[in-house]
Amino acid sequence: MTSIYVGNLAHAATEDDLRDMFSQHGEVSGVNIVSNRETGRPRGFAFVEMPNGNEAANAIQAVNLQDICGRAVTVNEARPKRPERSHRGGGGGRRYR
């Protein structure tokens, strides 16, 4: 399974728009447009899942810099998700007596 990052995505773009574009190059098993948790508005990027690595590589080359809903998208293989960082506060301050 290959995960493909699609950046510079127009807010008007839908999962169907992405599925249509990528399915021209092979089987698409999933599309996820990332939204802001608080507002629910799209954040301008998405991930497309393709089960066949060769088809995914062809799709990346073919779709990169193509126009989807009025914007030229940036397409590349997604990097692994970074681990969650804990928010334990600062440290290293002075202690006053």
PDB file of N, CA and C in Angstrom:
ATOM      1  N   MET A   1       0.850  -1.179   0.000  1.00  0.00           N
ATOM      2  CA  MET A   1       0.000   0.000   0.000  1.00  0.00           C
ATOM      3  C   MET A   1       0.893   1.238   0.000  1.00  0.00           C
ATOM      4  N   THR A   2       0.635   2.148  -0.915  1.00  0.00           N
ATOM      5  CA  THR A   2       1.396   3.380  -1.004  1.00  0.00           C
ATOM      6  C   THR A   2       0.498   4.556  -0.655  1.00  0.00           C
ATOM      7  N   SER A   3       0.969   5.391   0.255  1.00  0.00           N
ATOM      8  CA  SER A   3       0.244   6.594   0.638  1.00  0.00           C
ATOM      9  C   SER A   3       0.868   7.772  -0.097  1.00  0.00           C
ATOM     10  N   ILE A   4       0.022   8.554  -0.750  1.00  0.00           N
ATOM     11  CA  ILE A   4       0.473   9.670  -1.574  1.00  0.00           C
ATOM     12  C   ILE A   4      -0.019  10.972  -0.954  1.00  0.00           C
ATOM     13  N   TYR A   5       0.901  11.912  -0.769  1.00  0.00           N
ATOM     14  CA  TYR A   5       0.570  13.237  -0.249  1.00  0.00           C
ATOM     15  C   TYR A   5       0.207  14.146  -1.416  1.00  0.00           C
ATOM     16  N   VAL A   6      -0.897  14.886  -1.261  1.00  0.00           N
ATOM     17  CA  VAL A   6      -1.329  15.857  -2.262  1.00  0.00           C
ATOM     18  C   VAL A   6      -1.418  17.212  -1.558  1.00  0.00           C
ATOM     19  N   GLY A   7      -0.524  18.134  -1.911  1.00  0.00           N
ATOM     20  CA  GLY A   7      -0.485  19.448  -1.271  1.00  0.00           C
ATOM     21  C   GLY A   7      -0.948  20.542  -2.198  1.00  0.00           C
ATOM     22  N   ASN A   8      -1.124  21.743  -1.644  1.00  0.00           N
ATOM     23  CA  ASN A   8      -1.616  22.911  -2.366  1.00  0.00           C
ATOM     24  C   ASN A   8      -2.997  22.650  -2.957  1.00  0.00           C
ATOM     25  N   LEU A   9      -3.795  21.918  -2.220  1.00  0.00           N
ATOM     26  CA  LEU A   9      -5.120  21.512  -2.681  1.00  0.00           C
ATOM     27  C   LEU A   9      -6.129  22.625  -2.448  1.00  0.00           C
ATOM     28  N   ALA A  10      -6.917  22.929  -3.457  1.00  0.00           N
ATOM     29  CA  ALA A  10      -7.970  23.946  -3.328  1.00  0.00           C
ATOM     30  C   ALA A  10      -8.990  23.492  -2.294  1.00  0.00           C
ATOM     31  N   HIS A  11      -9.511  24.435  -1.526  1.00  0.00           N
ATOM     32  CA  HIS A  11     -10.501  24.097  -0.501  1.00  0.00           C
ATOM     33  C   HIS A  11     -11.783  23.548  -1.115  1.00  0.00           C
ATOM     34  N   ALA A  12     -12.027  23.847  -2.384  1.00  0.00           N
ATOM     35  CA  ALA A  12     -13.229  23.367  -3.060  1.00  0.00           C
ATOM     36  C   ALA A  12     -13.093  21.925  -3.557  1.00  0.00           C
ATOM     37  N   ALA A  13     -11.880  21.382  -3.549  1.00  0.00           N
ATOM     38  CA  ALA A  13     -11.651  20.022  -4.057  1.00  0.00           C
ATOM     39  C   ALA A  13     -12.351  18.996  -3.166  1.00  0.00           C
ATOM     40  N   THR A  14     -12.882  17.954  -3.800  1.00  0.00           N
ATOM     41  CA  THR A  14     -13.576  16.894  -3.069  1.00  0.00           C
ATOM     42  C   THR A  14     -12.821  15.583  -3.196  1.00  0.00           C
ATOM     43  N   GLU A  15     -13.214  14.611  -2.389  1.00  0.00           N
ATOM     44  CA  GLU A  15     -12.622  13.276  -2.494  1.00  0.00           C
ATOM     45  C   GLU A  15     -12.870  12.701  -3.875  1.00  0.00           C
ATOM     46  N   ASP A  16     -14.034  12.955  -4.450  1.00  0.00           N
ATOM     47  CA  ASP A  16     -14.330  12.459  -5.798  1.00  0.00           C
ATOM     48  C   ASP A  16     -13.395  13.072  -6.836  1.00  0.00           C
ATOM     49  N   ASP A  17     -13.064  14.359  -6.682  1.00  0.00           N
ATOM     50  CA  ASP A  17     -12.124  15.001  -7.617  1.00  0.00           C
ATOM     51  C   ASP A  17     -10.779  14.277  -7.597  1.00  0.00           C
ATOM     52  N   LEU A  18     -10.287  13.981  -6.399  1.00  0.00           N
ATOM     53  CA  LEU A  18      -9.001  13.295  -6.275  1.00  0.00           C
ATOM     54  C   LEU A  18      -9.084  11.862  -6.772  1.00  0.00           C
ATOM     55  N   ARG A  19     -10.159  11.169  -6.401  1.00  0.00           N
ATOM     56  CA  ARG A  19     -10.329   9.778  -6.841  1.00  0.00           C
ATOM     57  C   ARG A  19     -10.357   9.712  -8.369  1.00  0.00           C
ATOM     58  N   ASP A  20     -11.077  10.639  -9.006  1.00  0.00           N
ATOM     59  CA  ASP A  20     -11.150  10.661 -10.471  1.00  0.00           C
ATOM     60  C   ASP A  20      -9.779  10.881 -11.100  1.00  0.00           C
ATOM     61  N   MET A  21      -9.008  11.816 -10.554  1.00  0.00           N
ATOM     62  CA  MET A  21      -7.690  12.136 -11.108  1.00  0.00           C
ATOM     63  C   MET A  21      -6.724  10.955 -10.962  1.00  0.00           C
ATOM     64  N   PHE A  22      -6.676  10.366  -9.762  1.00  0.00           N
ATOM     65  CA  PHE A  22      -5.710   9.295  -9.513  1.00  0.00           C
ATOM     66  C   PHE A  22      -6.139   7.962 -10.116  1.00  0.00           C
ATOM     67  N   SER A  23      -7.433   7.707 -10.224  1.00  0.00           N
ATOM     68  CA  SER A  23      -7.887   6.423 -10.762  1.00  0.00           C
ATOM     69  C   SER A  23      -7.581   6.283 -12.255  1.00  0.00           C
ATOM     70  N   GLN A  24      -7.233   7.372 -12.908  1.00  0.00           N
ATOM     71  CA  GLN A  24      -6.790   7.295 -14.304  1.00  0.00           C
ATOM     72  C   GLN A  24      -5.464   6.556 -14.426  1.00  0.00           C
ATOM     73  N   HIS A  25      -4.770   6.385 -13.292  1.00  0.00           N
ATOM     74  CA  HIS A  25      -3.441   5.780 -13.288  1.00  0.00           C
ATOM     75  C   HIS A  25      -3.384   4.467 -12.520  1.00  0.00           C
ATOM     76  N   GLY A  26      -4.522   4.022 -11.993  1.00  0.00           N
ATOM     77  CA  GLY A  26      -4.559   2.759 -11.263  1.00  0.00           C
ATOM     78  C   GLY A  26      -5.653   2.744 -10.216  1.00  0.00           C
ATOM     79  N   GLU A  27      -5.676   1.663  -9.455  1.00  0.00           N
ATOM     80  CA  GLU A  27      -6.698   1.482  -8.426  1.00  0.00           C
ATOM     81  C   GLU A  27      -6.436   2.394  -7.226  1.00  0.00           C
ATOM     82  N   VAL A  28      -7.481   3.078  -6.786  1.00  0.00           N
ATOM     83  CA  VAL A  28      -7.412   3.936  -5.604  1.00  0.00           C
ATOM     84  C   VAL A  28      -8.217   3.261  -4.506  1.00  0.00           C
ATOM     85  N   SER A  29      -7.574   2.990  -3.366  1.00  0.00           N
ATOM     86  CA  SER A  29      -8.282   2.314  -2.280  1.00  0.00           C
ATOM     87  C   SER A  29      -8.814   3.279  -1.231  1.00  0.00           C
ATOM     88  N   GLY A  30      -8.334   4.524  -1.223  1.00  0.00           N
ATOM     89  CA  GLY A  30      -8.849   5.478  -0.263  1.00  0.00           C
ATOM     90  C   GLY A  30      -8.371   6.890  -0.520  1.00  0.00           C
ATOM     91  N   VAL A  31      -9.196   7.857  -0.113  1.00  0.00           N
ATOM     92  CA  VAL A  31      -8.867   9.270  -0.229  1.00  0.00           C
ATOM     93  C   VAL A  31      -9.254   9.934   1.087  1.00  0.00           C
ATOM     94  N   ASN A  32      -8.354  10.747   1.636  1.00  0.00           N
ATOM     95  CA  ASN A  32      -8.632  11.447   2.891  1.00  0.00           C
ATOM     96  C   ASN A  32      -8.190  12.900   2.766  1.00  0.00           C
ATOM     97  N   ILE A  33      -9.165  13.811   2.706  1.00  0.00           N
ATOM     98  CA  ILE A  33      -8.865  15.239   2.716  1.00  0.00           C
ATOM     99  C   ILE A  33      -8.804  15.662   4.175  1.00  0.00           C
ATOM    100  N   VAL A  34      -7.675  16.216   4.584  1.00  0.00           N
ATOM    101  CA  VAL A  34      -7.459  16.569   5.980  1.00  0.00           C
ATOM    102  C   VAL A  34      -8.159  17.887   6.297  1.00  0.00           C
ATOM    103  N   SER A  35      -8.922  17.874   7.413  1.00  0.00           N
ATOM    104  CA  SER A  35      -9.673  19.053   7.844  1.00  0.00           C
ATOM    105  C   SER A  35      -9.178  19.542   9.195  1.00  0.00           C
ATOM    106  N   ASN A  36      -9.402  20.820   9.454  1.00  0.00           N
ATOM    107  CA  ASN A  36      -9.091  21.411  10.743  1.00  0.00           C
ATOM    108  C   ASN A  36     -10.062  20.832  11.769  1.00  0.00           C
ATOM    109  N   ARG A  37      -9.547  20.370  12.894  1.00  0.00           N
ATOM    110  CA  ARG A  37     -10.392  19.748  13.917  1.00  0.00           C
ATOM    111  C   ARG A  37     -11.419  20.714  14.490  1.00  0.00           C
ATOM    112  N   GLU A  38     -11.031  21.953  14.659  1.00  0.00           N
ATOM    113  CA  GLU A  38     -11.912  22.923  15.296  1.00  0.00           C
ATOM    114  C   GLU A  38     -12.962  23.494  14.361  1.00  0.00           C
ATOM    115  N   THR A  39     -12.560  23.827  13.131  1.00  0.00           N
ATOM    116  CA  THR A  39     -13.488  24.487  12.208  1.00  0.00           C
ATOM    117  C   THR A  39     -14.126  23.533  11.208  1.00  0.00           C
ATOM    118  N   GLY A  40     -13.496  22.389  10.973  1.00  0.00           N
ATOM    119  CA  GLY A  40     -14.004  21.447   9.975  1.00  0.00           C
ATOM    120  C   GLY A  40     -13.665  21.834   8.544  1.00  0.00           C
ATOM    121  N   ARG A  41     -12.979  22.952   8.357  1.00  0.00           N
ATOM    122  CA  ARG A  41     -12.598  23.382   7.013  1.00  0.00           C
ATOM    123  C   ARG A  41     -11.377  22.603   6.535  1.00  0.00           C
ATOM    124  N   PRO A  42     -11.281  22.351   5.232  1.00  0.00           N
ATOM    125  CA  PRO A  42     -10.107  21.657   4.696  1.00  0.00           C
ATOM    126  C   PRO A  42      -8.828  22.443   4.967  1.00  0.00           C
ATOM    127  N   ARG A  43      -7.732  21.706   5.209  1.00  0.00           N
ATOM    128  CA  ARG A  43      -6.447  22.341   5.506  1.00  0.00           C
ATOM    129  C   ARG A  43      -5.569  22.521   4.265  1.00  0.00           C
ATOM    130  N   GLY A  44      -6.042  22.068   3.101  1.00  0.00           N
ATOM    131  CA  GLY A  44      -5.294  22.288   1.864  1.00  0.00           C
ATOM    132  C   GLY A  44      -4.388  21.146   1.456  1.00  0.00           C
ATOM    133  N   PHE A  45      -4.559  19.974   2.101  1.00  0.00           N
ATOM    134  CA  PHE A  45      -3.811  18.799   1.664  1.00  0.00           C
ATOM    135  C   PHE A  45      -4.625  17.545   1.914  1.00  0.00           C
ATOM    136  N   ALA A  46      -4.184  16.467   1.261  1.00  0.00           N
ATOM    137  CA  ALA A  46      -4.917  15.201   1.343  1.00  0.00           C
ATOM    138  C   ALA A  46      -3.953  14.045   1.173  1.00  0.00           C
ATOM    139  N   PHE A  47      -4.457  12.849   1.439  1.00  0.00           N
ATOM    140  CA  PHE A  47      -3.702  11.619   1.216  1.00  0.00           C
ATOM    141  C   PHE A  47      -4.539  10.684   0.357  1.00  0.00           C
ATOM    142  N   VAL A  48      -3.885  10.084  -0.627  1.00  0.00           N
ATOM    143  CA  VAL A  48      -4.524   9.111  -1.511  1.00  0.00           C
ATOM    144  C   VAL A  48      -3.800   7.787  -1.310  1.00  0.00           C
ATOM    145  N   GLU A  49      -4.550   6.717  -1.111  1.00  0.00           N
ATOM    146  CA  GLU A  49      -3.972   5.375  -0.931  1.00  0.00           C
ATOM    147  C   GLU A  49      -4.134   4.575  -2.216  1.00  0.00           C
ATOM    148  N   MET A  50      -3.037   3.984  -2.674  1.00  0.00           N
ATOM    149  CA  MET A  50      -3.062   3.118  -3.856  1.00  0.00           C
ATOM    150  C   MET A  50      -2.353   1.812  -3.501  1.00  0.00           C
ATOM    151  N   PRO A  51      -2.998   0.662  -3.748  1.00  0.00           N
ATOM    152  CA  PRO A  51      -2.416  -0.619  -3.346  1.00  0.00           C
ATOM    153  C   PRO A  51      -1.213  -1.068  -4.183  1.00  0.00           C
ATOM    154  N   ASN A  52      -1.122  -0.637  -5.427  1.00  0.00           N
ATOM    155  CA  ASN A  52      -0.039  -1.066  -6.310  1.00  0.00           C
ATOM    156  C   ASN A  52       1.047   0.013  -6.362  1.00  0.00           C
ATOM    157  N   GLY A  53       2.242  -0.337  -5.932  1.00  0.00           N
ATOM    158  CA  GLY A  53       3.346   0.621  -5.881  1.00  0.00           C
ATOM    159  C   GLY A  53       3.725   1.202  -7.225  1.00  0.00           C
ATOM    160  N   ASN A  54       3.713   0.387  -8.285  1.00  0.00           N
ATOM    161  CA  ASN A  54       4.059   0.887  -9.620  1.00  0.00           C
ATOM    162  C   ASN A  54       3.025   1.881 -10.119  1.00  0.00           C
ATOM    163  N   GLU A  55       1.743   1.556  -9.897  1.00  0.00           N
ATOM    164  CA  GLU A  55       0.679   2.471 -10.301  1.00  0.00           C
ATOM    165  C   GLU A  55       0.780   3.776  -9.511  1.00  0.00           C
ATOM    166  N   ALA A  56       1.101   3.667  -8.217  1.00  0.00           N
ATOM    167  CA  ALA A  56       1.244   4.864  -7.382  1.00  0.00           C
ATOM    168  C   ALA A  56       2.385   5.737  -7.885  1.00  0.00           C
ATOM    169  N   ALA A  57       3.516   5.136  -8.220  1.00  0.00           N
ATOM    170  CA  ALA A  57       4.661   5.900  -8.727  1.00  0.00           C
ATOM    171  C   ALA A  57       4.301   6.609 -10.035  1.00  0.00           C
ATOM    172  N   ASN A  58       3.584   5.923 -10.908  1.00  0.00           N
ATOM    173  CA  ASN A  58       3.141   6.538 -12.166  1.00  0.00           C
ATOM    174  C   ASN A  58       2.176   7.692 -11.899  1.00  0.00           C
ATOM    175  N   ALA A  59       1.263   7.495 -10.938  1.00  0.00           N
ATOM    176  CA  ALA A  59       0.293   8.535 -10.605  1.00  0.00           C
ATOM    177  C   ALA A  59       0.984   9.763 -10.033  1.00  0.00           C
ATOM    178  N   ILE A  60       1.988   9.551  -9.187  1.00  0.00           N
ATOM    179  CA  ILE A  60       2.726  10.673  -8.593  1.00  0.00           C
ATOM    180  C   ILE A  60       3.344  11.531  -9.695  1.00  0.00           C
ATOM    181  N   GLN A  61       3.995  10.892 -10.634  1.00  0.00           N
ATOM    182  CA  GLN A  61       4.633  11.635 -11.732  1.00  0.00           C
ATOM    183  C   GLN A  61       3.601  12.320 -12.618  1.00  0.00           C
ATOM    184  N   ALA A  62       2.501  11.624 -12.903  1.00  0.00           N
ATOM    185  CA  ALA A  62       1.507  12.163 -13.827  1.00  0.00           C
ATOM    186  C   ALA A  62       0.690  13.304 -13.225  1.00  0.00           C
ATOM    187  N   VAL A  63       0.365  13.225 -11.948  1.00  0.00           N
ATOM    188  CA  VAL A  63      -0.536  14.208 -11.338  1.00  0.00           C
ATOM    189  C   VAL A  63       0.215  15.404 -10.751  1.00  0.00           C
ATOM    190  N   ASN A  64       1.485  15.238 -10.398  1.00  0.00           N
ATOM    191  CA  ASN A  64       2.253  16.341  -9.823  1.00  0.00           C
ATOM    192  C   ASN A  64       2.196  17.565 -10.736  1.00  0.00           C
ATOM    193  N   LEU A  65       1.856  18.719 -10.146  1.00  0.00           N
ATOM    194  CA  LEU A  65       1.743  20.009 -10.813  1.00  0.00           C
ATOM    195  C   LEU A  65       0.556  20.116 -11.770  1.00  0.00           C
ATOM    196  N   GLN A  66      -0.359  19.148 -11.721  1.00  0.00           N
ATOM    197  CA  GLN A  66      -1.585  19.215 -12.522  1.00  0.00           C
ATOM    198  C   GLN A  66      -2.611  20.076 -11.803  1.00  0.00           C
ATOM    199  N   ASP A  67      -3.537  20.629 -12.554  1.00  0.00           N
ATOM    200  CA  ASP A  67      -4.568  21.493 -12.011  1.00  0.00           C
ATOM    201  C   ASP A  67      -5.744  20.654 -11.497  1.00  0.00           C
ATOM    202  N   ILE A  68      -6.071  20.835 -10.223  1.00  0.00           N
ATOM    203  CA  ILE A  68      -7.264  20.229  -9.642  1.00  0.00           C
ATOM    204  C   ILE A  68      -8.046  21.367  -8.988  1.00  0.00           C
ATOM    205  N   CYS A  69      -9.234  21.634  -9.507  1.00  0.00           N
ATOM    206  CA  CYS A  69     -10.107  22.703  -8.993  1.00  0.00           C
ATOM    207  C   CYS A  69      -9.411  24.064  -8.965  1.00  0.00           C
ATOM    208  N   GLY A  70      -8.623  24.346 -10.007  1.00  0.00           N
ATOM    209  CA  GLY A  70      -8.027  25.664 -10.138  1.00  0.00           C
ATOM    210  C   GLY A  70      -6.667  25.863  -9.504  1.00  0.00           C
ATOM    211  N   ARG A  71      -6.079  24.809  -8.938  1.00  0.00           N
ATOM    212  CA  ARG A  71      -4.750  24.945  -8.336  1.00  0.00           C
ATOM    213  C   ARG A  71      -3.843  23.815  -8.792  1.00  0.00           C
ATOM    214  N   ALA A  72      -2.580  24.154  -9.039  1.00  0.00           N
ATOM    215  CA  ALA A  72      -1.578  23.144  -9.390  1.00  0.00           C
ATOM    216  C   ALA A  72      -1.150  22.453  -8.095  1.00  0.00           C
ATOM    217  N   VAL A  73      -1.404  21.164  -7.984  1.00  0.00           N
ATOM    218  CA  VAL A  73      -1.114  20.423  -6.759  1.00  0.00           C
ATOM    219  C   VAL A  73       0.316  19.893  -6.755  1.00  0.00           C
ATOM    220  N   THR A  74       0.845  19.726  -5.559  1.00  0.00           N
ATOM    221  CA  THR A  74       2.153  19.112  -5.351  1.00  0.00           C
ATOM    222  C   THR A  74       1.897  17.686  -4.876  1.00  0.00           C
ATOM    223  N   VAL A  75       2.479  16.721  -5.567  1.00  0.00           N
ATOM    224  CA  VAL A  75       2.213  15.316  -5.258  1.00  0.00           C
ATOM    225  C   VAL A  75       3.528  14.585  -5.043  1.00  0.00           C
ATOM    226  N   ASN A  76       3.611  13.829  -3.931  1.00  0.00           N
ATOM    227  CA  ASN A  76       4.761  12.962  -3.697  1.00  0.00           C
ATOM    228  C   ASN A  76       4.374  11.864  -2.721  1.00  0.00           C
ATOM    229  N   GLU A  77       5.258  10.902  -2.570  1.00  0.00           N
ATOM    230  CA  GLU A  77       4.975   9.809  -1.642  1.00  0.00           C
ATOM    231  C   GLU A  77       4.968  10.364  -0.223  1.00  0.00           C
ATOM    232  N   ALA A  78       3.964   9.978   0.540  1.00  0.00           N
ATOM    233  CA  ALA A  78       3.829  10.490   1.907  1.00  0.00           C
ATOM    234  C   ALA A  78       4.934   9.943   2.790  1.00  0.00           C
ATOM    235  N   ARG A  79       5.408  10.783   3.696  1.00  0.00           N
ATOM    236  CA  ARG A  79       6.392  10.359   4.679  1.00  0.00           C
ATOM    237  C   ARG A  79       5.661   9.740   5.861  1.00  0.00           C
ATOM    238  N   PRO A  80       6.338   8.900   6.618  1.00  0.00           N
ATOM    239  CA  PRO A  80       5.689   8.325   7.801  1.00  0.00           C
ATOM    240  C   PRO A  80       5.288   9.423   8.778  1.00  0.00           C
ATOM    241  N   LYS A  81       4.190   9.193   9.463  1.00  0.00           N
ATOM    242  CA  LYS A  81       3.690  10.161  10.433  1.00  0.00           C
ATOM    243  C   LYS A  81       4.677  10.307  11.582  1.00  0.00           C
ATOM    244  N   ARG A  82       4.905  11.552  12.000  1.00  0.00           N
ATOM    245  CA  ARG A  82       5.789  11.795  13.136  1.00  0.00           C
ATOM    246  C   ARG A  82       5.098  11.356  14.418  1.00  0.00           C
ATOM    247  N   PRO A  83       5.864  10.832  15.365  1.00  0.00           N
ATOM    248  CA  PRO A  83       5.241  10.447  16.630  1.00  0.00           C
ATOM    249  C   PRO A  83       4.731  11.679  17.368  1.00  0.00           C
ATOM    250  N   GLU A  84       3.675  11.481  18.140  1.00  0.00           N
ATOM    251  CA  GLU A  84       3.110  12.565  18.932  1.00  0.00           C
ATOM    252  C   GLU A  84       4.137  13.047  19.943  1.00  0.00           C
ATOM    253  N   ARG A  85       4.235  14.353  20.093  1.00  0.00           N
ATOM    254  CA  ARG A  85       5.126  14.915  21.103  1.00  0.00           C
ATOM    255  C   ARG A  85       4.302  15.204  22.344  1.00  0.00           C
ATOM    256  N   SER A  86       4.894  14.924  23.482  1.00  0.00           N
ATOM    257  CA  SER A  86       4.180  15.237  24.717  1.00  0.00           C
ATOM    258  C   SER A  86       4.336  16.722  25.009  1.00  0.00           C
ATOM    259  N   HIS A  87       3.320  17.296  25.575  1.00  0.00           N
ATOM    260  CA  HIS A  87       3.332  18.716  25.928  1.00  0.00           C
ATOM    261  C   HIS A  87       3.416  18.809  27.445  1.00  0.00           C
ATOM    262  N   ARG A  88       4.625  18.596  27.955  1.00  0.00           N
ATOM    263  CA  ARG A  88       4.794  18.548  29.403  1.00  0.00           C
ATOM    264  C   ARG A  88       5.278  19.867  29.983  1.00  0.00           C
ATOM    265  N   GLY A  89       5.213  20.892  29.226  1.00  0.00           N
ATOM    266  CA  GLY A  89       5.623  22.179  29.764  1.00  0.00           C
ATOM    267  C   GLY A  89       7.115  22.405  29.613  1.00  0.00           C
ATOM    268  N   GLY A  90       7.527  23.569  30.012  1.00  0.00           N
ATOM    269  CA  GLY A  90       8.918  23.963  29.863  1.00  0.00           C
ATOM    270  C   GLY A  90       9.774  23.439  30.977  1.00  0.00           C
ATOM    271  N   GLY A  91      10.923  23.909  31.031  1.00  0.00           N
ATOM    272  CA  GLY A  91      11.877  23.512  32.062  1.00  0.00           C
ATOM    273  C   GLY A  91      13.103  24.377  31.948  1.00  0.00           C
ATOM    274  N   GLY A  92      14.008  24.170  32.816  1.00  0.00           N
ATOM    275  CA  GLY A  92      15.273  24.877  32.721  1.00  0.00           C
ATOM    276  C   GLY A  92      15.223  26.301  33.236  1.00  0.00           C
ATOM    277  N   GLY A  93      14.151  26.661  33.924  1.00  0.00           N
ATOM    278  CA  GLY A  93      14.062  28.014  34.461  1.00  0.00           C
ATOM    279  C   GLY A  93      14.836  28.137  35.767  1.00  0.00           C
ATOM    280  N   ARG A  94      14.981  29.358  36.242  1.00  0.00           N
ATOM    281  CA  ARG A  94      15.673  29.591  37.507  1.00  0.00           C
ATOM    282  C   ARG A  94      14.735  29.308  38.659  1.00  0.00           C
ATOM    283  N   ARG A  95      15.340  28.868  39.717  1.00  0.00           N
ATOM    284  CA  ARG A  95      14.562  28.670  40.951  1.00  0.00           C
ATOM    285  C   ARG A  95      14.866  29.823  41.885  1.00  0.00           C
ATOM    286  N   TYR A  96      13.825  30.426  42.361  1.00  0.00           N
ATOM    287  CA  TYR A  96      13.995  31.534  43.318  1.00  0.00           C
ATOM    288  C   TYR A  96      13.708  31.055  44.713  1.00  0.00           C
ATOM    289  N   ARG A  97      14.530  31.516  45.659  1.00  0.00           N
ATOM    290  CA  ARG A  97      14.354  31.086  47.054  1.00  0.00           C
ATOM    291  C   ARG A  97      13.797  32.189  47.881  1.00  0.00           C
TER     292      ARG A  97
END
